[in-house]
């Protein structure tokens, strides 16, 4: 007579330390998922006592990576091409400095996505959302308009650009970074021809150590 007992499960076949490691990992994942869902819920829920009490912690967790917005359904979509460009100041081993040319970071993202049937979310949105976050919290004179969120947006944009360049370029150490937005209007179909010249919004120079200190240094 065939045995009624089935084959042992994969977990049951593991050693005791391995089973403990699996249980701890699953528990950590469950706690992290529950914490994330709780933070997002408090962020999107109507204002209440709990969300007000923990507003600072919720905002620190949500912004900028998990920000919720409805721009996908905007009735008046943007009619501009905005390319984020950046350049660096490099300190050479002999003590001299060199300023690189402007690099079109948005153009690099577009080139990486072209002919890719499954481009990553980061390629499509990271730099674009970082610039949107910055421009929403600063006026055209680059003055902060949203308190701590302005500082956060500056640090976030700098961190992304700094990571794109890396710590060294052209045999020297990157010590400062400058960004600008190149905005070109997109003419509407059938509309009278208008200006399509590119306008630039140039930001101050940032010291690269702002990513570790959380403080914005510009000159």
N, C-alpha and C. Protein backbone atom coordinates (compact mmCIF):
# COMPACT_ATOMS: atom_id res chain seq x y z
N UNK A 1 0.85 -1.19 0.00
CA UNK A 1 0.00 0.00 0.00
C UNK A 1 0.89 1.24 0.00
N UNK A 2 0.55 2.22 -0.87
CA UNK A 2 1.34 3.44 -0.93
C UNK A 2 1.18 4.23 0.35
N UNK A 3 2.25 4.90 0.73
CA UNK A 3 2.20 5.72 1.94
C UNK A 3 1.29 6.92 1.71
N UNK A 4 0.51 7.29 2.74
CA UNK A 4 -0.35 8.46 2.66
C UNK A 4 0.41 9.75 2.91
N UNK A 5 1.65 9.63 3.34
CA UNK A 5 2.43 10.81 3.63
C UNK A 5 3.06 11.34 2.36
N UNK A 6 2.91 12.64 2.12
CA UNK A 6 3.51 13.26 0.95
C UNK A 6 4.97 13.58 1.20
N UNK A 7 5.65 14.09 0.19
CA UNK A 7 7.05 14.47 0.36
C UNK A 7 7.17 15.62 1.33
N UNK A 8 8.25 15.71 2.06
CA UNK A 8 8.43 16.80 3.03
C UNK A 8 8.52 18.14 2.31
N UNK A 9 8.00 19.20 2.94
CA UNK A 9 8.08 20.53 2.35
C UNK A 9 9.52 21.00 2.34
N UNK A 10 9.78 22.00 1.50
CA UNK A 10 11.15 22.51 1.40
C UNK A 10 11.61 23.13 2.71
N UNK A 11 10.68 23.83 3.39
CA UNK A 11 11.05 24.45 4.66
C UNK A 11 11.34 23.39 5.71
N UNK A 12 10.51 22.36 5.76
CA UNK A 12 10.72 21.30 6.74
C UNK A 12 12.04 20.59 6.53
N UNK A 13 12.51 20.58 5.28
CA UNK A 13 13.77 19.92 5.00
C UNK A 13 14.99 20.74 5.35
N UNK A 14 14.79 21.99 5.77
CA UNK A 14 15.92 22.85 6.13
C UNK A 14 16.40 22.55 7.54
N UNK A 15 17.62 22.94 7.80
CA UNK A 15 18.16 22.81 9.15
C UNK A 15 17.49 23.83 10.06
N UNK A 16 17.63 23.65 11.35
CA UNK A 16 17.00 24.56 12.31
C UNK A 16 17.50 26.00 12.12
N UNK A 17 18.80 26.25 12.00
CA UNK A 17 19.25 27.64 11.78
C UNK A 17 18.68 28.25 10.49
N UNK A 18 18.57 27.43 9.43
CA UNK A 18 18.02 27.94 8.18
C UNK A 18 16.55 28.28 8.34
N UNK A 19 15.80 27.45 9.08
CA UNK A 19 14.38 27.74 9.30
C UNK A 19 14.20 29.01 10.14
N UNK A 20 15.09 29.22 11.11
CA UNK A 20 15.02 30.43 11.91
C UNK A 20 15.30 31.66 11.03
N UNK A 21 16.29 31.54 10.14
CA UNK A 21 16.62 32.65 9.24
C UNK A 21 15.46 32.97 8.31
N UNK A 22 14.79 31.93 7.79
CA UNK A 22 13.63 32.15 6.92
C UNK A 22 12.51 32.85 7.68
N UNK A 23 12.25 32.38 8.91
CA UNK A 23 11.18 32.97 9.72
C UNK A 23 11.47 34.43 10.04
N UNK A 24 12.73 34.74 10.39
CA UNK A 24 13.11 36.11 10.70
C UNK A 24 12.97 37.01 9.48
N UNK A 25 13.41 36.48 8.30
CA UNK A 25 13.31 37.26 7.06
C UNK A 25 11.86 37.56 6.71
N UNK A 26 11.00 36.54 6.78
CA UNK A 26 9.59 36.75 6.48
C UNK A 26 8.95 37.72 7.45
N UNK A 27 9.33 37.63 8.74
CA UNK A 27 8.79 38.55 9.72
C UNK A 27 9.22 39.99 9.43
N UNK A 28 10.49 40.17 9.04
CA UNK A 28 10.99 41.51 8.74
C UNK A 28 10.28 42.10 7.53
N UNK A 29 10.07 41.26 6.51
CA UNK A 29 9.36 41.72 5.31
C UNK A 29 7.93 42.13 5.65
N UNK A 30 7.28 41.32 6.48
CA UNK A 30 5.90 41.63 6.87
C UNK A 30 5.82 42.94 7.65
N UNK A 31 6.77 43.14 8.57
CA UNK A 31 6.78 44.38 9.36
C UNK A 31 7.04 45.59 8.46
N UNK A 32 8.00 45.45 7.53
CA UNK A 32 8.31 46.56 6.62
C UNK A 32 7.12 46.90 5.74
N UNK A 33 6.44 45.86 5.22
CA UNK A 33 5.26 46.09 4.38
C UNK A 33 4.14 46.78 5.17
N UNK A 34 3.93 46.32 6.40
CA UNK A 34 2.89 46.92 7.23
C UNK A 34 3.23 48.38 7.56
N UNK A 35 4.50 48.66 7.84
CA UNK A 35 4.92 50.03 8.14
C UNK A 35 4.73 50.94 6.93
N UNK A 36 5.10 50.42 5.74
CA UNK A 36 4.94 51.22 4.52
C UNK A 36 3.47 51.52 4.26
N UNK A 37 2.62 50.53 4.37
CA UNK A 37 1.20 50.74 4.13
C UNK A 37 0.60 51.72 5.15
N UNK A 38 1.06 51.63 6.39
CA UNK A 38 0.55 52.54 7.42
C UNK A 38 0.96 53.98 7.12
N UNK A 39 2.21 54.19 6.70
CA UNK A 39 2.67 55.54 6.39
C UNK A 39 1.92 56.12 5.18
N UNK A 40 1.74 55.32 4.13
CA UNK A 40 1.01 55.80 2.96
C UNK A 40 -0.43 56.10 3.31
N UNK A 41 -1.04 55.25 4.13
CA UNK A 41 -2.43 55.48 4.54
C UNK A 41 -2.57 56.79 5.31
N UNK A 42 -1.65 57.04 6.26
CA UNK A 42 -1.72 58.28 7.03
C UNK A 42 -1.48 59.50 6.14
N UNK A 43 -0.69 59.32 5.07
CA UNK A 43 -0.40 60.44 4.17
C UNK A 43 -1.61 60.80 3.31
N UNK A 44 -2.32 59.79 2.81
CA UNK A 44 -3.42 60.05 1.88
C UNK A 44 -4.76 60.20 2.59
N UNK A 45 -4.85 59.76 3.84
CA UNK A 45 -6.12 59.83 4.55
C UNK A 45 -6.46 61.28 4.92
N UNK A 46 -7.74 61.59 5.10
CA UNK A 46 -8.12 62.93 5.57
C UNK A 46 -7.42 63.26 6.88
N UNK A 47 -7.18 64.54 7.10
CA UNK A 47 -6.47 64.96 8.32
C UNK A 47 -7.19 64.45 9.56
N UNK A 48 -6.43 63.84 10.46
CA UNK A 48 -7.00 63.32 11.69
C UNK A 48 -5.97 63.45 12.80
N UNK A 49 -6.38 63.10 14.02
CA UNK A 49 -5.50 63.27 15.17
C UNK A 49 -4.20 62.50 15.01
N UNK A 50 -4.28 61.26 14.53
CA UNK A 50 -3.09 60.42 14.39
C UNK A 50 -2.14 60.97 13.34
N UNK A 51 -2.68 61.39 12.19
CA UNK A 51 -1.81 61.90 11.13
C UNK A 51 -1.17 63.22 11.54
N UNK A 52 -1.88 64.05 12.31
CA UNK A 52 -1.30 65.32 12.78
C UNK A 52 -0.20 65.06 13.81
N UNK A 53 -0.44 64.08 14.68
CA UNK A 53 0.52 63.78 15.73
C UNK A 53 1.84 63.27 15.16
N UNK A 54 1.76 62.51 14.06
CA UNK A 54 2.96 61.91 13.47
C UNK A 54 3.29 62.53 12.11
N UNK A 55 2.89 63.77 11.88
CA UNK A 55 3.05 64.41 10.57
C UNK A 55 4.51 64.47 10.14
N UNK A 56 5.40 64.80 11.07
CA UNK A 56 6.82 64.92 10.71
C UNK A 56 7.38 63.59 10.26
N UNK A 57 7.10 62.52 11.00
CA UNK A 57 7.60 61.20 10.65
C UNK A 57 7.02 60.72 9.32
N UNK A 58 5.73 60.98 9.10
CA UNK A 58 5.09 60.56 7.85
C UNK A 58 5.70 61.30 6.66
N UNK A 59 5.86 62.62 6.78
CA UNK A 59 6.43 63.40 5.68
C UNK A 59 7.87 63.00 5.38
N UNK A 60 8.65 62.74 6.43
CA UNK A 60 10.04 62.33 6.23
C UNK A 60 10.12 61.00 5.48
N UNK A 61 9.14 60.13 5.72
CA UNK A 61 9.14 58.83 5.04
C UNK A 61 8.61 58.94 3.62
N UNK A 62 7.55 59.70 3.42
CA UNK A 62 6.88 59.76 2.12
C UNK A 62 7.69 60.54 1.09
N UNK A 63 8.18 61.72 1.48
CA UNK A 63 8.84 62.59 0.51
C UNK A 63 10.32 62.28 0.43
N UNK A 64 10.89 62.28 -0.80
CA UNK A 64 10.16 62.50 -2.05
C UNK A 64 9.81 61.23 -2.81
N UNK A 65 10.35 60.08 -2.39
CA UNK A 65 10.21 58.87 -3.21
C UNK A 65 8.77 58.38 -3.35
N UNK A 66 7.93 58.52 -2.31
CA UNK A 66 6.60 57.94 -2.33
C UNK A 66 5.49 58.98 -2.38
N UNK A 67 5.81 60.16 -2.87
CA UNK A 67 4.80 61.22 -2.93
C UNK A 67 3.61 60.80 -3.79
N UNK A 68 2.41 61.15 -3.34
CA UNK A 68 1.18 60.83 -4.07
C UNK A 68 0.65 62.10 -4.73
N UNK A 69 0.30 62.02 -6.01
CA UNK A 69 -0.28 63.19 -6.67
C UNK A 69 -1.17 62.71 -7.81
N UNK A 70 -1.91 63.65 -8.42
CA UNK A 70 -2.88 63.33 -9.46
C UNK A 70 -2.50 63.97 -10.80
N UNK A 71 -1.22 64.23 -11.03
CA UNK A 71 -0.81 64.91 -12.25
C UNK A 71 -1.08 64.09 -13.51
N UNK A 72 -1.19 62.78 -13.35
CA UNK A 72 -1.50 61.93 -14.50
C UNK A 72 -2.83 62.33 -15.13
N UNK A 73 -3.76 62.84 -14.31
CA UNK A 73 -5.10 63.18 -14.79
C UNK A 73 -5.29 64.68 -14.99
N UNK A 74 -4.18 65.44 -15.09
CA UNK A 74 -4.29 66.89 -15.24
C UNK A 74 -5.02 67.23 -16.53
N UNK A 75 -6.01 68.14 -16.48
CA UNK A 75 -6.76 68.50 -17.69
C UNK A 75 -5.93 69.34 -18.66
N UNK A 76 -4.86 69.95 -18.17
CA UNK A 76 -4.02 70.80 -19.02
C UNK A 76 -2.58 70.30 -18.92
N UNK A 77 -2.23 69.24 -19.64
CA UNK A 77 -0.90 68.65 -19.51
C UNK A 77 0.18 69.62 -19.97
N UNK A 78 1.39 69.37 -19.48
CA UNK A 78 2.51 70.22 -19.85
C UNK A 78 2.76 70.16 -21.35
N UNK A 79 3.11 71.29 -21.92
CA UNK A 79 3.40 71.37 -23.34
C UNK A 79 4.82 71.89 -23.54
N UNK A 80 5.71 71.31 -22.77
CA UNK A 80 7.11 71.69 -22.83
C UNK A 80 7.99 70.44 -22.72
N UNK A 81 9.12 70.52 -23.37
CA UNK A 81 10.16 69.52 -23.17
C UNK A 81 11.17 70.10 -22.20
N UNK A 82 11.33 69.45 -21.05
CA UNK A 82 12.26 69.92 -20.03
C UNK A 82 13.39 68.91 -19.88
N UNK A 83 14.60 69.34 -20.17
CA UNK A 83 15.77 68.50 -20.03
C UNK A 83 16.63 69.03 -18.88
N UNK A 84 16.97 68.14 -17.94
CA UNK A 84 17.83 68.51 -16.83
C UNK A 84 19.27 68.24 -17.24
N UNK A 85 20.08 69.30 -17.15
CA UNK A 85 21.49 69.21 -17.51
C UNK A 85 22.33 69.55 -16.28
N UNK A 86 23.57 69.09 -16.27
CA UNK A 86 24.43 69.36 -15.13
C UNK A 86 25.89 69.38 -15.57
N UNK A 87 26.70 70.07 -14.78
CA UNK A 87 28.14 70.07 -14.99
C UNK A 87 28.82 70.02 -13.63
N UNK A 88 30.11 69.74 -13.62
CA UNK A 88 30.82 69.58 -12.36
C UNK A 88 32.10 70.41 -12.35
N UNK A 89 32.53 70.73 -11.15
CA UNK A 89 33.86 71.30 -10.95
C UNK A 89 34.72 70.20 -10.35
N UNK A 90 35.85 69.95 -10.98
CA UNK A 90 36.72 68.84 -10.60
C UNK A 90 38.04 69.38 -10.06
N UNK A 91 38.47 68.84 -8.92
CA UNK A 91 39.77 69.21 -8.36
C UNK A 91 40.80 68.17 -8.80
N UNK A 92 41.83 68.64 -9.49
CA UNK A 92 42.87 67.78 -10.01
C UNK A 92 43.89 67.42 -8.91
N UNK A 93 44.65 66.33 -9.10
CA UNK A 93 45.63 65.93 -8.08
C UNK A 93 46.64 67.03 -7.74
N UNK A 94 46.99 67.90 -8.71
CA UNK A 94 47.95 68.96 -8.45
C UNK A 94 47.37 70.16 -7.73
N UNK A 95 46.06 70.16 -7.47
CA UNK A 95 45.42 71.26 -6.77
C UNK A 95 44.60 72.18 -7.64
N UNK A 96 44.78 72.09 -8.97
CA UNK A 96 44.00 72.92 -9.87
C UNK A 96 42.59 72.40 -10.03
N UNK A 97 41.72 73.21 -10.63
CA UNK A 97 40.33 72.81 -10.84
C UNK A 97 39.99 72.89 -12.32
N UNK A 98 38.96 72.13 -12.69
CA UNK A 98 38.47 72.11 -14.07
C UNK A 98 36.96 72.03 -14.05
N UNK A 99 36.30 72.78 -14.91
CA UNK A 99 34.85 72.73 -15.02
C UNK A 99 34.47 71.97 -16.28
N UNK A 100 33.68 70.93 -16.13
CA UNK A 100 33.28 70.12 -17.28
C UNK A 100 32.20 70.84 -18.08
N UNK A 101 31.93 70.33 -19.26
CA UNK A 101 30.82 70.85 -20.05
C UNK A 101 29.49 70.36 -19.52
N UNK A 102 28.40 70.93 -20.03
CA UNK A 102 27.06 70.53 -19.61
C UNK A 102 26.73 69.15 -20.16
N UNK A 103 26.18 68.31 -19.31
CA UNK A 103 25.77 66.95 -19.69
C UNK A 103 24.25 66.87 -19.62
N UNK A 104 23.62 66.41 -20.70
CA UNK A 104 22.16 66.30 -20.76
C UNK A 104 21.73 64.99 -20.11
N UNK A 105 21.42 65.04 -18.83
CA UNK A 105 21.05 63.83 -18.09
C UNK A 105 19.71 63.27 -18.57
N UNK A 106 18.76 64.16 -18.86
CA UNK A 106 17.47 63.70 -19.37
C UNK A 106 17.65 63.02 -20.72
N UNK A 107 18.49 63.59 -21.58
CA UNK A 107 18.76 62.98 -22.88
C UNK A 107 19.35 61.59 -22.73
N UNK A 108 20.21 61.41 -21.73
CA UNK A 108 20.79 60.09 -21.48
C UNK A 108 19.72 59.09 -21.05
N UNK A 109 18.77 59.55 -20.21
CA UNK A 109 17.68 58.67 -19.78
C UNK A 109 16.81 58.27 -20.97
N UNK A 110 16.50 59.24 -21.84
CA UNK A 110 15.67 58.95 -23.02
C UNK A 110 16.38 57.96 -23.93
N UNK A 111 17.68 58.15 -24.13
CA UNK A 111 18.44 57.24 -24.99
C UNK A 111 18.45 55.83 -24.41
N UNK A 112 18.52 55.72 -23.08
CA UNK A 112 18.53 54.39 -22.45
C UNK A 112 17.18 53.70 -22.57
N UNK A 113 16.09 54.49 -22.60
CA UNK A 113 14.75 53.91 -22.70
C UNK A 113 14.36 53.56 -24.12
N UNK A 114 14.96 54.24 -25.09
CA UNK A 114 14.58 54.04 -26.48
C UNK A 114 14.85 52.58 -26.89
N UNK A 115 13.86 51.98 -27.53
CA UNK A 115 13.92 50.59 -27.99
C UNK A 115 13.93 49.58 -26.84
N UNK A 116 13.69 50.05 -25.61
CA UNK A 116 13.59 49.14 -24.47
C UNK A 116 12.10 48.89 -24.20
N UNK A 117 11.61 47.67 -24.41
CA UNK A 117 10.17 47.42 -24.24
C UNK A 117 9.71 47.52 -22.79
N UNK A 118 10.63 47.40 -21.84
CA UNK A 118 10.27 47.45 -20.43
C UNK A 118 11.23 48.37 -19.67
N UNK A 119 11.19 49.68 -19.96
CA UNK A 119 12.09 50.59 -19.24
C UNK A 119 11.71 50.67 -17.77
N UNK A 120 12.70 50.89 -16.94
CA UNK A 120 12.45 50.91 -15.51
C UNK A 120 11.72 52.19 -15.10
N UNK A 121 11.03 52.10 -13.98
CA UNK A 121 10.34 53.27 -13.42
C UNK A 121 11.34 54.36 -13.09
N UNK A 122 12.53 53.97 -12.61
CA UNK A 122 13.55 54.96 -12.26
C UNK A 122 13.99 55.72 -13.49
N UNK A 123 14.24 55.02 -14.60
CA UNK A 123 14.66 55.69 -15.83
C UNK A 123 13.62 56.71 -16.29
N UNK A 124 12.36 56.38 -16.13
CA UNK A 124 11.31 57.24 -16.64
C UNK A 124 11.01 58.44 -15.74
N UNK A 125 11.14 58.26 -14.45
CA UNK A 125 10.56 59.26 -13.54
C UNK A 125 11.50 59.87 -12.50
N UNK A 126 12.60 59.23 -12.17
CA UNK A 126 13.40 59.70 -11.04
C UNK A 126 13.85 61.15 -11.22
N UNK A 127 14.54 61.44 -12.30
CA UNK A 127 15.07 62.78 -12.51
C UNK A 127 13.95 63.79 -12.77
N UNK A 128 12.95 63.39 -13.52
CA UNK A 128 11.82 64.29 -13.82
C UNK A 128 11.09 64.68 -12.54
N UNK A 129 10.81 63.71 -11.68
CA UNK A 129 10.10 64.01 -10.44
C UNK A 129 10.98 64.82 -9.49
N UNK A 130 12.29 64.57 -9.50
CA UNK A 130 13.19 65.33 -8.63
C UNK A 130 13.17 66.80 -9.02
N UNK A 131 13.19 67.08 -10.34
CA UNK A 131 13.14 68.47 -10.77
C UNK A 131 11.78 69.10 -10.45
N UNK A 132 10.71 68.36 -10.67
CA UNK A 132 9.38 68.86 -10.35
C UNK A 132 9.27 69.19 -8.87
N UNK A 133 9.81 68.33 -8.02
CA UNK A 133 9.79 68.54 -6.57
C UNK A 133 10.57 69.81 -6.23
N UNK A 134 11.73 69.99 -6.86
CA UNK A 134 12.54 71.18 -6.59
C UNK A 134 11.83 72.45 -7.05
N UNK A 135 11.34 72.45 -8.28
CA UNK A 135 10.71 73.66 -8.82
C UNK A 135 9.41 74.02 -8.09
N UNK A 136 8.74 73.02 -7.53
CA UNK A 136 7.52 73.29 -6.77
C UNK A 136 7.81 73.92 -5.41
N UNK A 137 9.05 73.79 -4.93
CA UNK A 137 9.38 74.29 -3.59
C UNK A 137 10.39 75.44 -3.63
N UNK A 138 10.65 75.98 -4.82
CA UNK A 138 11.54 77.14 -4.97
C UNK A 138 10.94 78.08 -6.01
N UNK A 139 11.14 79.39 -5.80
CA UNK A 139 10.71 80.33 -6.82
C UNK A 139 11.78 80.46 -7.90
N UNK A 140 11.54 81.30 -8.88
CA UNK A 140 12.46 81.40 -10.01
C UNK A 140 13.78 82.06 -9.63
N UNK A 141 13.84 82.66 -8.42
CA UNK A 141 15.11 83.20 -7.91
C UNK A 141 15.83 82.18 -7.05
N UNK A 142 15.32 80.95 -7.03
CA UNK A 142 15.87 79.82 -6.26
C UNK A 142 15.75 80.04 -4.75
N UNK A 143 14.77 80.83 -4.34
CA UNK A 143 14.49 81.00 -2.92
C UNK A 143 13.52 79.94 -2.45
N UNK A 144 13.79 79.37 -1.29
CA UNK A 144 12.92 78.33 -0.74
C UNK A 144 11.55 78.89 -0.42
N UNK A 145 10.52 78.12 -0.76
CA UNK A 145 9.14 78.55 -0.51
C UNK A 145 8.36 77.55 0.34
N UNK A 146 9.00 76.46 0.75
CA UNK A 146 8.25 75.42 1.47
C UNK A 146 9.00 74.90 2.69
N UNK A 147 9.84 75.73 3.30
CA UNK A 147 10.50 75.33 4.53
C UNK A 147 11.39 74.11 4.36
N UNK A 148 11.17 73.13 5.25
CA UNK A 148 11.99 71.92 5.24
C UNK A 148 11.86 71.14 3.94
N UNK A 149 10.71 71.21 3.30
CA UNK A 149 10.53 70.49 2.03
C UNK A 149 11.44 71.07 0.95
N UNK A 150 11.70 72.36 1.00
CA UNK A 150 12.61 72.97 0.03
C UNK A 150 14.02 72.41 0.20
N UNK A 151 14.47 72.32 1.46
CA UNK A 151 15.79 71.75 1.73
C UNK A 151 15.86 70.30 1.27
N UNK A 152 14.78 69.55 1.53
CA UNK A 152 14.73 68.15 1.13
C UNK A 152 14.79 68.01 -0.39
N UNK A 153 14.08 68.87 -1.11
CA UNK A 153 14.07 68.78 -2.56
C UNK A 153 15.44 69.09 -3.15
N UNK A 154 16.14 70.06 -2.56
CA UNK A 154 17.49 70.39 -3.03
C UNK A 154 18.44 69.22 -2.82
N UNK A 155 18.39 68.65 -1.62
CA UNK A 155 19.26 67.52 -1.31
C UNK A 155 18.96 66.32 -2.21
N UNK A 156 17.68 66.08 -2.46
CA UNK A 156 17.28 64.94 -3.29
C UNK A 156 17.78 65.11 -4.72
N UNK A 157 17.59 66.29 -5.31
CA UNK A 157 18.06 66.54 -6.67
C UNK A 157 19.57 66.42 -6.75
N UNK A 158 20.28 67.01 -5.79
CA UNK A 158 21.74 66.93 -5.78
C UNK A 158 22.21 65.49 -5.66
N UNK A 159 21.55 64.70 -4.82
CA UNK A 159 21.96 63.32 -4.60
C UNK A 159 21.86 62.50 -5.88
N UNK A 160 20.79 62.73 -6.65
CA UNK A 160 20.61 62.01 -7.90
C UNK A 160 21.70 62.40 -8.90
N UNK A 161 21.94 63.70 -9.04
CA UNK A 161 22.95 64.16 -10.01
C UNK A 161 24.34 63.71 -9.59
N UNK A 162 24.62 63.79 -8.31
CA UNK A 162 25.93 63.35 -7.81
C UNK A 162 26.17 61.88 -8.11
N UNK A 163 25.12 61.07 -7.95
CA UNK A 163 25.26 59.65 -8.23
C UNK A 163 25.48 59.39 -9.72
N UNK A 164 24.85 60.21 -10.58
CA UNK A 164 25.03 60.03 -12.01
C UNK A 164 26.49 60.28 -12.43
N UNK A 165 27.11 61.28 -11.84
CA UNK A 165 28.48 61.60 -12.21
C UNK A 165 29.50 60.69 -11.54
N UNK A 166 29.24 60.32 -10.30
CA UNK A 166 30.22 59.55 -9.55
C UNK A 166 31.21 60.47 -8.85
N UNK A 167 32.11 59.91 -8.04
CA UNK A 167 33.03 60.74 -7.24
C UNK A 167 34.18 61.33 -8.03
N UNK A 168 34.55 60.74 -9.16
CA UNK A 168 35.70 61.22 -9.93
C UNK A 168 35.35 61.32 -11.41
N UNK A 169 35.91 62.36 -12.06
CA UNK A 169 35.74 62.57 -13.50
C UNK A 169 37.04 63.15 -14.04
N UNK A 170 37.45 62.69 -15.21
CA UNK A 170 38.64 63.22 -15.89
C UNK A 170 39.87 63.21 -15.00
N UNK A 171 39.99 62.18 -14.18
CA UNK A 171 41.17 62.05 -13.33
C UNK A 171 41.18 62.95 -12.11
N UNK A 172 40.07 63.57 -11.77
CA UNK A 172 40.00 64.44 -10.61
C UNK A 172 38.78 64.16 -9.76
N UNK A 173 38.72 64.76 -8.59
CA UNK A 173 37.61 64.56 -7.66
C UNK A 173 36.54 65.62 -7.89
N UNK A 174 35.29 65.17 -7.96
CA UNK A 174 34.16 66.08 -8.12
C UNK A 174 33.94 66.81 -6.79
N UNK A 175 34.02 68.15 -6.81
CA UNK A 175 33.86 68.92 -5.58
C UNK A 175 32.59 69.77 -5.59
N UNK A 176 32.12 70.16 -6.79
CA UNK A 176 30.89 70.94 -6.86
C UNK A 176 30.09 70.51 -8.09
N UNK A 177 28.78 70.72 -8.00
CA UNK A 177 27.86 70.35 -9.09
C UNK A 177 26.91 71.51 -9.32
N UNK A 178 26.61 71.77 -10.58
CA UNK A 178 25.63 72.78 -10.95
C UNK A 178 24.62 72.17 -11.91
N UNK A 179 23.36 72.48 -11.71
CA UNK A 179 22.29 71.94 -12.57
C UNK A 179 21.55 73.09 -13.23
N UNK A 180 20.92 72.77 -14.35
CA UNK A 180 20.04 73.73 -15.00
C UNK A 180 18.95 72.96 -15.73
N UNK A 181 17.82 73.64 -15.97
CA UNK A 181 16.72 73.05 -16.72
C UNK A 181 16.62 73.77 -18.06
N UNK A 182 16.65 73.01 -19.14
CA UNK A 182 16.50 73.56 -20.49
C UNK A 182 15.08 73.28 -20.95
N UNK A 183 14.27 74.33 -21.08
CA UNK A 183 12.85 74.18 -21.40
C UNK A 183 12.57 74.67 -22.82
N UNK A 184 12.00 73.78 -23.63
CA UNK A 184 11.67 74.10 -25.02
C UNK A 184 10.18 73.91 -25.23
N UNK A 185 9.45 74.95 -25.65
CA UNK A 185 7.99 74.80 -25.89
C UNK A 185 7.71 73.81 -27.02
N UNK A 186 6.60 73.08 -26.86
CA UNK A 186 6.14 72.16 -27.90
C UNK A 186 4.90 72.78 -28.55
N UNK A 187 4.98 73.17 -29.83
CA UNK A 187 3.82 73.82 -30.46
C UNK A 187 2.62 72.89 -30.56
N UNK A 188 1.42 73.43 -30.35
CA UNK A 188 0.20 72.64 -30.45
C UNK A 188 -0.14 72.39 -31.92
N UNK A 189 -0.69 71.22 -32.21
CA UNK A 189 -1.08 70.93 -33.60
C UNK A 189 -2.10 71.94 -34.11
N UNK A 190 -1.84 72.51 -35.28
CA UNK A 190 -2.77 73.45 -35.89
C UNK A 190 -2.70 74.86 -35.36
N UNK A 191 -1.90 75.09 -34.32
CA UNK A 191 -1.80 76.42 -33.75
C UNK A 191 -0.79 77.25 -34.54
N UNK A 192 -0.90 78.56 -34.42
CA UNK A 192 0.05 79.44 -35.10
C UNK A 192 1.45 79.20 -34.56
N UNK A 193 2.41 79.29 -35.43
CA UNK A 193 3.79 79.04 -35.03
C UNK A 193 4.23 80.04 -33.98
N UNK A 194 4.76 79.54 -32.89
CA UNK A 194 5.25 80.40 -31.83
C UNK A 194 6.73 80.17 -31.60
N UNK A 195 7.23 80.82 -30.58
CA UNK A 195 8.65 80.67 -30.27
C UNK A 195 8.95 79.26 -29.76
N UNK A 196 9.98 78.68 -30.30
CA UNK A 196 10.42 77.36 -29.84
C UNK A 196 11.84 77.43 -29.30
N UNK A 197 12.28 78.63 -28.94
CA UNK A 197 13.64 78.78 -28.42
C UNK A 197 13.72 78.20 -27.01
N UNK A 198 14.86 77.65 -26.68
CA UNK A 198 15.07 77.01 -25.39
C UNK A 198 15.42 78.05 -24.33
N UNK A 199 14.74 77.97 -23.19
CA UNK A 199 15.01 78.85 -22.06
C UNK A 199 15.71 78.03 -20.97
N UNK A 200 16.65 78.67 -20.27
CA UNK A 200 17.44 77.97 -19.26
C UNK A 200 17.16 78.55 -17.87
N UNK A 201 16.99 77.65 -16.93
CA UNK A 201 16.91 78.03 -15.51
C UNK A 201 18.11 77.41 -14.82
N UNK A 202 19.06 78.24 -14.47
CA UNK A 202 20.34 77.76 -13.95
C UNK A 202 20.39 77.90 -12.44
N UNK A 203 20.70 76.80 -11.76
CA UNK A 203 20.76 76.78 -10.31
C UNK A 203 22.15 77.16 -9.82
N UNK A 204 22.29 77.53 -8.54
CA UNK A 204 23.62 77.83 -8.00
C UNK A 204 24.49 76.57 -7.94
N UNK A 205 25.77 76.78 -7.74
CA UNK A 205 26.67 75.65 -7.53
C UNK A 205 26.38 75.03 -6.17
N UNK A 206 26.46 73.69 -6.12
CA UNK A 206 26.29 72.95 -4.87
C UNK A 206 27.57 72.20 -4.57
N UNK A 207 27.99 72.21 -3.29
CA UNK A 207 29.10 71.36 -2.85
C UNK A 207 28.59 69.93 -2.73
N UNK A 208 29.36 68.96 -3.18
CA UNK A 208 28.86 67.59 -3.23
C UNK A 208 28.67 67.00 -1.84
N UNK A 209 29.30 67.56 -0.79
CA UNK A 209 29.14 66.99 0.54
C UNK A 209 27.79 67.32 1.15
N UNK A 210 26.90 68.06 0.43
CA UNK A 210 25.57 68.31 0.97
C UNK A 210 24.76 67.03 1.13
N UNK A 211 25.08 65.99 0.33
CA UNK A 211 24.31 64.75 0.43
C UNK A 211 24.53 64.07 1.77
N UNK A 212 25.71 64.25 2.36
CA UNK A 212 25.98 63.58 3.63
C UNK A 212 25.59 64.45 4.82
N UNK A 213 25.64 65.79 4.66
CA UNK A 213 25.31 66.65 5.80
C UNK A 213 23.84 67.02 5.85
N UNK A 214 23.14 66.91 4.68
CA UNK A 214 21.75 67.31 4.64
C UNK A 214 21.59 68.81 4.58
N UNK A 215 22.71 69.56 4.47
CA UNK A 215 22.65 71.01 4.40
C UNK A 215 22.99 71.45 2.99
N UNK A 216 22.28 72.43 2.46
CA UNK A 216 22.54 72.95 1.14
C UNK A 216 23.62 73.99 1.21
N UNK A 217 24.66 73.84 0.37
CA UNK A 217 25.74 74.81 0.28
C UNK A 217 25.79 75.29 -1.15
N UNK A 218 25.58 76.52 -1.37
CA UNK A 218 25.62 77.05 -2.72
C UNK A 218 26.43 78.32 -2.73
N UNK A 219 26.89 78.68 -3.92
CA UNK A 219 27.65 79.92 -4.07
C UNK A 219 27.35 80.50 -5.43
